[in-house]
């Protein structure tokens, strides 16, 4: 029996503000499951794509018949309470559960690949799950998840910028750029900043 492939990746681990966002992407094992689009070029990790390329890939993946995905977010207050690694793992677990409601079916019918330091839950993963260093460069399903997570978080930060216009979230997406630090020195932090990261 051919198995579904699930890729899981996160975005926002090192940001000073905003949530950590994890995407789980399930690719069906049928003939139409090939993720390829000649006009868009090669499927790559989101960090190796321009914002315009990521947006185009996101639109393509969102409507692809063989791709399903789920998103989970952990917000700054919870990140502060539990630390970023545990928050990322919790989000990975939540995204995976959203994607496949039946846990037994998930374990039996899927191969799950997580990028980098991600683990499902507290690290006690099912046998079908494996964490792969630089998985977003090696496993297409993780590259799909990385694009979905990145575009989702970036769009969220653009919306957040309207609520907190002094910080320039629409530009740096909450990461520690010179402009962001300058705004912090001038205005102090706001509710969406992670105080332990500052």
N, C-alpha and C. Protein backbone atom coordinates (compact mmCIF):
# COMPACT_ATOMS: atom_id res chain seq x y z
N UNK A 1 0.84 -1.20 0.00
CA UNK A 1 0.00 0.00 0.00
C UNK A 1 0.88 1.25 0.00
N UNK A 2 0.64 2.13 -0.96
CA UNK A 2 1.38 3.38 -0.98
C UNK A 2 0.89 4.28 0.15
N UNK A 3 1.81 4.99 0.76
CA UNK A 3 1.46 5.81 1.91
C UNK A 3 1.47 7.30 1.55
N UNK A 4 0.64 8.04 2.27
CA UNK A 4 0.72 9.49 2.18
C UNK A 4 2.07 9.95 2.71
N UNK A 5 2.55 11.05 2.16
CA UNK A 5 3.75 11.68 2.70
C UNK A 5 3.34 13.00 3.31
N UNK A 6 3.70 13.19 4.56
CA UNK A 6 3.40 14.44 5.26
C UNK A 6 4.70 15.15 5.57
N UNK A 7 4.80 16.41 5.17
CA UNK A 7 5.95 17.24 5.49
C UNK A 7 5.53 18.30 6.49
N UNK A 8 6.38 18.57 7.46
CA UNK A 8 6.07 19.56 8.50
C UNK A 8 7.24 20.52 8.65
N UNK A 9 6.94 21.82 8.63
CA UNK A 9 7.99 22.83 8.79
C UNK A 9 7.44 24.02 9.55
N UNK A 10 8.35 24.78 10.15
CA UNK A 10 7.95 25.95 10.94
C UNK A 10 8.62 27.21 10.43
N UNK A 11 8.00 28.33 10.78
CA UNK A 11 8.53 29.65 10.45
C UNK A 11 8.35 30.55 11.66
N UNK A 12 9.35 31.36 11.95
CA UNK A 12 9.23 32.34 13.02
C UNK A 12 9.94 31.97 14.30
N UNK A 13 10.76 30.94 14.26
CA UNK A 13 11.46 30.50 15.47
C UNK A 13 12.35 31.61 16.04
N UNK A 14 13.04 32.33 15.18
CA UNK A 14 13.99 33.33 15.65
C UNK A 14 13.48 34.75 15.66
N UNK A 15 12.19 34.93 15.39
CA UNK A 15 11.63 36.28 15.34
C UNK A 15 11.52 36.88 16.74
N UNK A 16 11.53 38.20 16.80
CA UNK A 16 11.36 38.91 18.07
C UNK A 16 9.89 39.16 18.38
N UNK A 17 9.04 39.02 17.36
CA UNK A 17 7.62 39.32 17.54
C UNK A 17 6.78 38.39 16.67
N UNK A 18 5.53 38.24 17.08
CA UNK A 18 4.61 37.42 16.31
C UNK A 18 4.67 35.95 16.68
N UNK A 19 3.77 35.16 16.11
CA UNK A 19 3.69 33.74 16.46
C UNK A 19 4.74 32.91 15.75
N UNK A 20 4.92 31.69 16.25
CA UNK A 20 5.60 30.67 15.45
C UNK A 20 4.49 29.95 14.70
N UNK A 21 4.70 29.71 13.42
CA UNK A 21 3.69 29.09 12.56
C UNK A 21 4.24 27.79 12.01
N UNK A 22 3.47 26.72 12.15
CA UNK A 22 3.86 25.42 11.62
C UNK A 22 2.81 24.97 10.61
N UNK A 23 3.29 24.48 9.47
CA UNK A 23 2.40 23.89 8.46
C UNK A 23 2.70 22.41 8.33
N UNK A 24 1.64 21.63 8.20
CA UNK A 24 1.75 20.21 7.87
C UNK A 24 1.09 20.03 6.52
N UNK A 25 1.83 19.47 5.57
CA UNK A 25 1.31 19.30 4.21
C UNK A 25 1.29 17.81 3.86
N UNK A 26 0.14 17.31 3.46
CA UNK A 26 -0.02 15.91 3.09
C UNK A 26 -0.12 15.79 1.58
N UNK A 27 0.70 14.92 1.02
CA UNK A 27 0.69 14.71 -0.43
C UNK A 27 0.18 13.30 -0.70
N UNK A 28 -0.86 13.20 -1.53
CA UNK A 28 -1.47 11.91 -1.84
C UNK A 28 -0.52 11.05 -2.66
N UNK A 29 -0.64 9.72 -2.49
CA UNK A 29 0.27 8.82 -3.22
C UNK A 29 -0.22 8.40 -4.59
N UNK A 30 -1.10 9.20 -5.20
CA UNK A 30 -1.61 8.80 -6.52
C UNK A 30 -0.75 9.39 -7.64
N UNK A 31 -1.11 9.09 -8.87
CA UNK A 31 -0.30 9.51 -10.01
C UNK A 31 -0.26 11.03 -10.17
N UNK A 32 -1.28 11.68 -9.69
CA UNK A 32 -1.34 13.14 -9.84
C UNK A 32 -0.64 13.87 -8.69
N UNK A 33 0.11 13.12 -7.89
CA UNK A 33 0.69 13.73 -6.69
C UNK A 33 2.00 14.47 -6.96
N UNK A 34 2.49 14.42 -8.18
CA UNK A 34 3.75 15.10 -8.47
C UNK A 34 3.56 16.61 -8.35
N UNK A 35 4.42 17.21 -7.57
CA UNK A 35 4.33 18.65 -7.36
C UNK A 35 5.33 19.30 -8.30
N UNK A 36 4.85 19.72 -9.45
CA UNK A 36 5.74 20.33 -10.44
C UNK A 36 4.96 21.38 -11.22
N UNK A 37 5.64 22.46 -11.52
CA UNK A 37 5.04 23.52 -12.31
C UNK A 37 6.16 24.23 -13.05
N UNK A 38 6.27 23.97 -14.33
CA UNK A 38 7.39 24.50 -15.11
C UNK A 38 7.51 26.03 -15.05
N UNK A 39 6.41 26.78 -15.20
CA UNK A 39 6.55 28.25 -15.12
C UNK A 39 7.09 28.74 -13.78
N UNK A 40 6.83 27.99 -12.68
CA UNK A 40 7.30 28.41 -11.37
C UNK A 40 8.73 27.96 -11.08
N UNK A 41 9.25 27.07 -11.88
CA UNK A 41 10.61 26.58 -11.67
C UNK A 41 10.62 25.42 -10.67
N UNK A 42 11.79 25.15 -10.13
CA UNK A 42 11.96 24.03 -9.23
C UNK A 42 11.35 24.33 -7.86
N UNK A 43 10.69 23.31 -7.29
CA UNK A 43 10.18 23.44 -5.93
C UNK A 43 11.35 23.54 -4.97
N UNK A 44 11.36 24.60 -4.15
CA UNK A 44 12.48 24.83 -3.24
C UNK A 44 11.97 25.19 -1.86
N UNK A 45 12.89 25.11 -0.92
CA UNK A 45 12.63 25.62 0.42
C UNK A 45 12.24 27.10 0.32
N UNK A 46 11.32 27.54 1.15
CA UNK A 46 10.80 28.91 1.06
C UNK A 46 11.89 29.97 1.17
N UNK A 47 12.95 29.68 1.93
CA UNK A 47 14.02 30.67 2.11
C UNK A 47 14.78 30.94 0.82
N UNK A 48 14.68 30.04 -0.14
CA UNK A 48 15.39 30.20 -1.41
C UNK A 48 14.50 30.76 -2.52
N UNK A 49 13.31 31.21 -2.14
CA UNK A 49 12.38 31.80 -3.09
C UNK A 49 12.14 33.26 -2.74
N UNK A 50 11.90 34.07 -3.75
CA UNK A 50 11.54 35.47 -3.51
C UNK A 50 10.10 35.53 -3.01
N UNK A 51 9.69 36.64 -2.39
CA UNK A 51 8.29 36.76 -1.95
C UNK A 51 7.29 36.52 -3.08
N UNK A 52 7.60 37.01 -4.27
CA UNK A 52 6.70 36.81 -5.40
C UNK A 52 6.63 35.34 -5.79
N UNK A 53 7.78 34.65 -5.79
CA UNK A 53 7.80 33.22 -6.11
C UNK A 53 7.04 32.41 -5.06
N UNK A 54 7.23 32.77 -3.79
CA UNK A 54 6.51 32.07 -2.72
C UNK A 54 5.01 32.22 -2.87
N UNK A 55 4.56 33.44 -3.18
CA UNK A 55 3.13 33.69 -3.35
C UNK A 55 2.57 32.88 -4.51
N UNK A 56 3.33 32.78 -5.60
CA UNK A 56 2.88 32.01 -6.77
C UNK A 56 2.80 30.52 -6.42
N UNK A 57 3.81 30.02 -5.72
CA UNK A 57 3.81 28.62 -5.31
C UNK A 57 2.66 28.35 -4.35
N UNK A 58 2.40 29.26 -3.43
CA UNK A 58 1.32 29.09 -2.46
C UNK A 58 -0.02 28.97 -3.18
N UNK A 59 -0.25 29.85 -4.15
CA UNK A 59 -1.51 29.80 -4.92
C UNK A 59 -1.65 28.47 -5.65
N UNK A 60 -0.54 28.00 -6.21
CA UNK A 60 -0.53 26.72 -6.93
C UNK A 60 -0.80 25.56 -5.98
N UNK A 61 -0.13 25.54 -4.84
CA UNK A 61 -0.27 24.43 -3.90
C UNK A 61 -1.65 24.41 -3.25
N UNK A 62 -2.21 25.58 -3.00
CA UNK A 62 -3.51 25.69 -2.36
C UNK A 62 -4.59 24.99 -3.18
N UNK A 63 -4.44 25.03 -4.50
CA UNK A 63 -5.44 24.45 -5.39
C UNK A 63 -5.03 23.10 -5.98
N UNK A 64 -3.87 22.58 -5.57
CA UNK A 64 -3.39 21.31 -6.12
C UNK A 64 -4.24 20.16 -5.58
N UNK A 65 -4.76 19.28 -6.46
CA UNK A 65 -5.65 18.22 -6.00
C UNK A 65 -5.01 17.18 -5.08
N UNK A 66 -3.70 17.06 -5.10
CA UNK A 66 -3.02 16.06 -4.29
C UNK A 66 -2.47 16.62 -2.97
N UNK A 67 -2.68 17.92 -2.74
CA UNK A 67 -2.11 18.56 -1.55
C UNK A 67 -3.21 18.99 -0.59
N UNK A 68 -3.07 18.58 0.66
CA UNK A 68 -3.90 19.09 1.76
C UNK A 68 -2.94 19.65 2.81
N UNK A 69 -3.38 20.68 3.51
CA UNK A 69 -2.49 21.21 4.55
C UNK A 69 -3.28 21.77 5.72
N UNK A 70 -2.59 21.88 6.83
CA UNK A 70 -3.15 22.47 8.03
C UNK A 70 -2.10 23.35 8.69
N UNK A 71 -2.57 24.37 9.37
CA UNK A 71 -1.70 25.35 10.01
C UNK A 71 -1.95 25.37 11.52
N UNK A 72 -0.89 25.55 12.28
CA UNK A 72 -1.03 25.79 13.73
C UNK A 72 -0.11 26.94 14.12
N UNK A 73 -0.58 27.76 15.05
CA UNK A 73 0.20 28.90 15.54
C UNK A 73 0.32 28.84 17.05
N UNK A 74 1.46 29.26 17.54
CA UNK A 74 1.62 29.48 18.98
C UNK A 74 2.04 30.94 19.14
N UNK A 75 1.32 31.67 19.97
CA UNK A 75 1.52 33.12 20.09
C UNK A 75 2.52 33.46 21.20
N UNK A 76 3.02 34.70 21.19
CA UNK A 76 4.12 35.08 22.09
C UNK A 76 3.96 34.74 23.56
N UNK A 77 2.78 34.97 24.14
CA UNK A 77 2.62 34.71 25.59
C UNK A 77 2.85 33.24 25.91
N UNK A 78 2.35 32.36 25.03
CA UNK A 78 2.56 30.92 25.26
C UNK A 78 4.01 30.55 25.00
N UNK A 79 4.62 31.15 23.99
CA UNK A 79 6.05 30.90 23.72
C UNK A 79 6.88 31.27 24.94
N UNK A 80 6.54 32.40 25.57
CA UNK A 80 7.28 32.86 26.74
C UNK A 80 7.16 31.86 27.90
N UNK A 81 5.98 31.26 28.03
CA UNK A 81 5.76 30.33 29.13
C UNK A 81 6.46 28.99 28.92
N UNK A 82 6.55 28.52 27.68
CA UNK A 82 7.01 27.15 27.47
C UNK A 82 8.32 27.03 26.71
N UNK A 83 8.90 28.08 26.22
CA UNK A 83 10.12 28.18 25.40
C UNK A 83 9.83 27.83 23.94
N UNK A 84 10.69 28.31 23.06
CA UNK A 84 10.40 28.27 21.62
C UNK A 84 10.42 26.85 21.07
N UNK A 85 11.32 26.00 21.55
CA UNK A 85 11.39 24.63 21.03
C UNK A 85 10.15 23.84 21.36
N UNK A 86 9.70 23.93 22.60
CA UNK A 86 8.48 23.22 22.99
C UNK A 86 7.27 23.79 22.28
N UNK A 87 7.25 25.11 22.07
CA UNK A 87 6.15 25.73 21.35
C UNK A 87 6.09 25.25 19.90
N UNK A 88 7.25 25.17 19.26
CA UNK A 88 7.30 24.68 17.88
C UNK A 88 6.83 23.24 17.78
N UNK A 89 7.25 22.40 18.72
CA UNK A 89 6.84 21.00 18.71
C UNK A 89 5.35 20.84 18.97
N UNK A 90 4.82 21.66 19.87
CA UNK A 90 3.38 21.63 20.13
C UNK A 90 2.61 22.03 18.88
N UNK A 91 3.07 23.07 18.19
CA UNK A 91 2.41 23.49 16.96
C UNK A 91 2.49 22.41 15.89
N UNK A 92 3.63 21.71 15.82
CA UNK A 92 3.77 20.61 14.85
C UNK A 92 2.74 19.52 15.13
N UNK A 93 2.60 19.18 16.40
CA UNK A 93 1.61 18.16 16.80
C UNK A 93 0.20 18.60 16.43
N UNK A 94 -0.12 19.86 16.73
CA UNK A 94 -1.46 20.38 16.44
C UNK A 94 -1.75 20.39 14.94
N UNK A 95 -0.78 20.84 14.15
CA UNK A 95 -0.98 20.89 12.70
C UNK A 95 -1.20 19.49 12.14
N UNK A 96 -0.42 18.54 12.64
CA UNK A 96 -0.53 17.15 12.18
C UNK A 96 -1.90 16.58 12.53
N UNK A 97 -2.36 16.83 13.75
CA UNK A 97 -3.68 16.33 14.17
C UNK A 97 -4.80 16.97 13.37
N UNK A 98 -4.66 18.24 13.04
CA UNK A 98 -5.67 18.91 12.21
C UNK A 98 -5.75 18.26 10.83
N UNK A 99 -4.59 17.89 10.32
CA UNK A 99 -4.52 17.34 8.97
C UNK A 99 -5.19 15.98 8.89
N UNK A 100 -4.94 15.15 9.88
CA UNK A 100 -5.55 13.83 9.91
C UNK A 100 -6.14 13.62 11.29
N UNK A 101 -7.47 13.65 11.37
CA UNK A 101 -8.14 13.58 12.67
C UNK A 101 -7.94 12.22 13.33
N UNK A 102 -7.91 11.16 12.54
CA UNK A 102 -7.77 9.82 13.09
C UNK A 102 -6.29 9.52 13.32
N UNK A 103 -5.87 9.52 14.57
CA UNK A 103 -4.45 9.34 14.91
C UNK A 103 -3.91 7.99 14.43
N UNK A 104 -4.69 6.93 14.57
CA UNK A 104 -4.24 5.60 14.11
C UNK A 104 -4.02 5.60 12.62
N UNK A 105 -4.95 6.24 11.90
CA UNK A 105 -4.81 6.33 10.45
C UNK A 105 -3.55 7.09 10.08
N UNK A 106 -3.26 8.15 10.82
CA UNK A 106 -2.05 8.95 10.58
C UNK A 106 -0.80 8.09 10.68
N UNK A 107 -0.74 7.26 11.73
CA UNK A 107 0.45 6.46 11.96
C UNK A 107 0.58 5.36 10.91
N UNK A 108 -0.52 4.70 10.59
CA UNK A 108 -0.48 3.54 9.69
C UNK A 108 -0.33 3.95 8.23
N UNK A 109 -0.99 5.01 7.82
CA UNK A 109 -1.09 5.31 6.40
C UNK A 109 -0.17 6.44 5.93
N UNK A 110 0.70 6.93 6.80
CA UNK A 110 1.52 8.08 6.42
C UNK A 110 2.98 7.88 6.78
N UNK A 111 3.82 8.52 5.99
CA UNK A 111 5.22 8.72 6.36
C UNK A 111 5.37 10.20 6.66
N UNK A 112 5.84 10.53 7.84
CA UNK A 112 5.88 11.91 8.30
C UNK A 112 7.32 12.37 8.41
N UNK A 113 7.62 13.49 7.76
CA UNK A 113 8.97 14.05 7.80
C UNK A 113 8.90 15.46 8.37
N UNK A 114 9.71 15.71 9.39
CA UNK A 114 9.76 17.02 10.03
C UNK A 114 11.11 17.65 9.77
N UNK A 115 11.10 18.96 9.58
CA UNK A 115 12.34 19.66 9.29
C UNK A 115 13.12 19.98 10.56
N UNK A 116 14.44 19.92 10.43
CA UNK A 116 15.36 20.42 11.46
C UNK A 116 15.14 19.89 12.84
N UNK A 117 14.90 20.78 13.81
CA UNK A 117 14.76 20.39 15.19
C UNK A 117 13.34 20.13 15.62
N UNK A 118 12.43 19.97 14.68
CA UNK A 118 11.03 19.74 15.03
C UNK A 118 10.77 18.28 15.40
N UNK A 119 9.92 18.10 16.40
CA UNK A 119 9.44 16.78 16.80
C UNK A 119 7.95 16.88 17.08
N UNK A 120 7.25 15.78 16.90
CA UNK A 120 5.83 15.78 17.24
C UNK A 120 5.67 15.75 18.75
N UNK A 121 4.94 16.70 19.29
CA UNK A 121 4.70 16.74 20.72
C UNK A 121 5.97 16.89 21.52
N UNK A 122 6.18 16.00 22.46
CA UNK A 122 7.34 16.07 23.35
C UNK A 122 8.52 15.27 22.83
N UNK A 123 8.50 14.90 21.57
CA UNK A 123 9.61 14.17 21.00
C UNK A 123 9.40 12.67 20.93
N UNK A 124 8.32 12.18 21.54
CA UNK A 124 7.99 10.76 21.47
C UNK A 124 7.19 10.53 20.19
N UNK A 125 7.88 10.45 19.09
CA UNK A 125 7.22 10.39 17.79
C UNK A 125 6.80 8.97 17.45
N UNK A 126 5.75 8.83 16.63
CA UNK A 126 5.43 7.51 16.10
C UNK A 126 6.55 7.03 15.19
N UNK A 127 6.63 5.74 14.98
CA UNK A 127 7.70 5.18 14.15
C UNK A 127 7.67 5.73 12.73
N UNK A 128 6.49 6.14 12.28
CA UNK A 128 6.35 6.65 10.92
C UNK A 128 6.91 8.06 10.75
N UNK A 129 7.28 8.71 11.87
CA UNK A 129 7.77 10.09 11.81
C UNK A 129 9.28 10.15 11.98
N UNK A 130 9.88 11.06 11.20
CA UNK A 130 11.34 11.21 11.26
C UNK A 130 11.71 12.67 11.09
N UNK A 131 12.60 13.15 11.93
CA UNK A 131 13.13 14.51 11.80
C UNK A 131 14.36 14.47 10.91
N UNK A 132 14.37 15.36 9.90
CA UNK A 132 15.44 15.35 8.89
C UNK A 132 16.15 16.70 8.91
N UNK A 133 17.45 16.70 9.17
CA UNK A 133 18.23 17.94 9.13
C UNK A 133 18.23 18.48 7.70
N UNK A 134 17.92 19.77 7.56
CA UNK A 134 17.78 20.41 6.25
C UNK A 134 16.77 19.68 5.38
N UNK A 135 15.72 19.20 6.03
CA UNK A 135 14.68 18.47 5.32
C UNK A 135 13.98 19.28 4.26
N UNK A 136 13.92 20.62 4.47
CA UNK A 136 13.26 21.47 3.48
C UNK A 136 14.02 21.50 2.16
N UNK A 137 15.28 21.05 2.16
CA UNK A 137 16.07 20.97 0.92
C UNK A 137 16.06 19.56 0.34
N UNK A 138 15.61 18.57 1.13
CA UNK A 138 15.72 17.16 0.72
C UNK A 138 14.38 16.49 0.44
N UNK A 139 13.33 16.90 1.15
CA UNK A 139 12.03 16.24 1.07
C UNK A 139 11.01 17.22 0.48
N UNK A 140 10.47 16.92 -0.71
CA UNK A 140 9.51 17.85 -1.33
C UNK A 140 8.33 18.23 -0.43
N UNK A 141 7.82 17.28 0.33
CA UNK A 141 6.67 17.58 1.20
C UNK A 141 7.02 18.62 2.26
N UNK A 142 8.27 18.60 2.75
CA UNK A 142 8.69 19.61 3.72
C UNK A 142 8.84 20.96 3.03
N UNK A 143 9.36 20.96 1.80
CA UNK A 143 9.46 22.22 1.05
C UNK A 143 8.08 22.83 0.84
N UNK A 144 7.09 21.99 0.55
CA UNK A 144 5.70 22.46 0.40
C UNK A 144 5.24 23.10 1.72
N UNK A 145 5.48 22.40 2.83
CA UNK A 145 5.08 22.93 4.14
C UNK A 145 5.80 24.24 4.46
N UNK A 146 7.07 24.34 4.06
CA UNK A 146 7.83 25.55 4.36
C UNK A 146 7.25 26.76 3.63
N UNK A 147 6.83 26.56 2.39
CA UNK A 147 6.22 27.66 1.61
C UNK A 147 4.90 28.07 2.24
N UNK A 148 4.07 27.09 2.58
CA UNK A 148 2.77 27.39 3.17
C UNK A 148 2.92 28.11 4.50
N UNK A 149 3.84 27.64 5.34
CA UNK A 149 4.06 28.28 6.64
C UNK A 149 4.57 29.70 6.48
N UNK A 150 5.54 29.89 5.58
CA UNK A 150 6.14 31.21 5.39
C UNK A 150 5.14 32.23 4.87
N UNK A 151 4.39 31.86 3.85
CA UNK A 151 3.41 32.79 3.27
C UNK A 151 2.32 33.11 4.30
N UNK A 152 1.87 32.09 5.02
CA UNK A 152 0.83 32.30 6.04
C UNK A 152 1.31 33.26 7.11
N UNK A 153 2.52 33.04 7.62
CA UNK A 153 3.02 33.92 8.68
C UNK A 153 3.29 35.33 8.17
N UNK A 154 3.89 35.45 6.99
CA UNK A 154 4.17 36.78 6.44
C UNK A 154 2.89 37.59 6.27
N UNK A 155 1.84 36.94 5.79
CA UNK A 155 0.57 37.65 5.60
C UNK A 155 -0.02 38.06 6.95
N UNK A 156 0.14 37.21 7.94
CA UNK A 156 -0.33 37.54 9.28
C UNK A 156 0.42 38.76 9.81
N UNK A 157 1.74 38.80 9.61
CA UNK A 157 2.53 39.93 10.11
C UNK A 157 2.19 41.23 9.39
N UNK A 158 1.83 41.14 8.12
CA UNK A 158 1.39 42.33 7.38
C UNK A 158 0.09 42.86 7.99
N UNK A 159 -0.82 41.96 8.35
CA UNK A 159 -2.06 42.39 9.00
C UNK A 159 -1.77 42.97 10.38
N UNK A 160 -0.82 42.36 11.09
CA UNK A 160 -0.45 42.83 12.43
C UNK A 160 0.15 44.24 12.36
N UNK A 161 0.82 44.55 11.26
CA UNK A 161 1.43 45.88 11.10
C UNK A 161 0.39 46.99 11.12
N UNK A 162 -0.83 46.68 10.70
CA UNK A 162 -1.89 47.69 10.72
C UNK A 162 -2.31 48.01 12.16
N UNK A 163 -2.18 47.01 13.03
CA UNK A 163 -2.51 47.21 14.44
C UNK A 163 -1.38 47.89 15.19
N UNK A 164 -0.14 47.59 14.78
CA UNK A 164 1.05 48.16 15.42
C UNK A 164 1.92 48.84 14.35
N UNK A 165 1.50 49.96 13.82
CA UNK A 165 2.19 50.56 12.67
C UNK A 165 3.59 51.10 12.95
N UNK A 166 3.96 51.26 14.21
CA UNK A 166 5.25 51.88 14.54
C UNK A 166 6.44 50.96 14.31
N UNK A 167 6.21 49.66 14.13
CA UNK A 167 7.32 48.71 14.14
C UNK A 167 7.78 48.21 12.77
N UNK A 168 6.98 48.41 11.75
CA UNK A 168 7.38 47.97 10.41
C UNK A 168 7.29 46.46 10.20
N UNK A 169 6.34 45.81 10.87
CA UNK A 169 6.21 44.36 10.73
C UNK A 169 5.97 43.92 9.29
N UNK A 170 5.35 44.80 8.51
CA UNK A 170 5.08 44.44 7.11
C UNK A 170 6.37 44.29 6.30
N UNK A 171 7.46 44.87 6.79
CA UNK A 171 8.75 44.81 6.08
C UNK A 171 9.60 43.65 6.60
N UNK A 172 9.86 43.64 7.91
CA UNK A 172 10.80 42.65 8.47
C UNK A 172 10.13 41.42 9.08
N UNK A 173 8.79 41.43 9.14
CA UNK A 173 8.00 40.28 9.63
C UNK A 173 8.33 39.89 11.06
N UNK A 174 8.83 40.84 11.83
CA UNK A 174 9.08 40.58 13.25
C UNK A 174 10.49 40.13 13.58
N UNK A 175 11.34 40.00 12.57
CA UNK A 175 12.73 39.57 12.82
C UNK A 175 13.58 40.75 13.27
N UNK A 176 14.77 40.45 13.77
CA UNK A 176 15.61 41.46 14.41
C UNK A 176 16.46 42.26 13.45
N UNK A 177 15.85 43.05 12.63
CA UNK A 177 16.58 43.93 11.72
C UNK A 177 16.97 45.23 12.43
N UNK A 178 17.85 46.00 11.79
CA UNK A 178 18.23 47.31 12.36
C UNK A 178 17.02 48.21 12.54
N UNK A 179 16.14 48.20 11.54
CA UNK A 179 14.94 49.05 11.61
C UNK A 179 14.05 48.63 12.77
N UNK A 180 13.94 47.32 12.98
CA UNK A 180 13.10 46.83 14.07
C UNK A 180 13.68 47.23 15.43
N UNK A 181 14.98 47.07 15.60
CA UNK A 181 15.63 47.47 16.86
C UNK A 181 15.51 48.97 17.09
N UNK A 182 15.62 49.73 16.02
CA UNK A 182 15.47 51.19 16.13
C UNK A 182 14.07 51.55 16.62
N UNK A 183 13.06 50.87 16.06
CA UNK A 183 11.67 51.11 16.49
C UNK A 183 11.47 50.70 17.95
N UNK A 184 12.11 49.62 18.36
CA UNK A 184 12.01 49.18 19.75
C UNK A 184 12.62 50.19 20.71
N UNK A 185 13.77 50.76 20.30
CA UNK A 185 14.40 51.77 21.16
C UNK A 185 13.52 53.02 21.28
N UNK A 186 12.83 53.34 20.22
CA UNK A 186 12.00 54.54 20.21
C UNK A 186 10.66 54.33 20.91
N UNK A 187 10.03 53.19 20.67
CA UNK A 187 8.66 52.98 21.14
C UNK A 187 8.52 51.94 22.26
N UNK A 188 9.59 51.20 22.54
CA UNK A 188 9.45 50.10 23.48
C UNK A 188 8.77 48.91 22.80
N UNK A 189 8.52 47.88 23.55
CA UNK A 189 7.89 46.69 22.96
C UNK A 189 6.37 46.80 23.04
N UNK A 190 5.69 45.91 22.32
CA UNK A 190 4.22 45.87 22.33
C UNK A 190 3.78 44.44 22.69
N UNK A 191 2.48 44.22 22.70
CA UNK A 191 1.93 42.93 23.15
C UNK A 191 2.39 41.75 22.33
N UNK A 192 2.74 41.98 21.08
CA UNK A 192 3.10 40.86 20.21
C UNK A 192 4.59 40.55 20.21
N UNK A 193 5.37 41.30 21.00
CA UNK A 193 6.80 40.99 21.12
C UNK A 193 7.03 39.87 22.15
N UNK A 194 8.11 39.14 21.93
CA UNK A 194 8.52 38.09 22.86
C UNK A 194 9.59 38.70 23.77
N UNK A 195 9.23 39.01 24.98
CA UNK A 195 10.12 39.79 25.84
C UNK A 195 11.44 39.07 26.11
N UNK A 196 11.44 37.77 26.19
CA UNK A 196 12.68 37.04 26.46
C UNK A 196 13.61 37.00 25.25
N UNK A 197 13.09 37.39 24.07
CA UNK A 197 13.91 37.42 22.87
C UNK A 197 14.59 38.77 22.68
N UNK A 198 14.12 39.79 23.41
CA UNK A 198 14.60 41.15 23.17
C UNK A 198 15.91 41.42 23.90
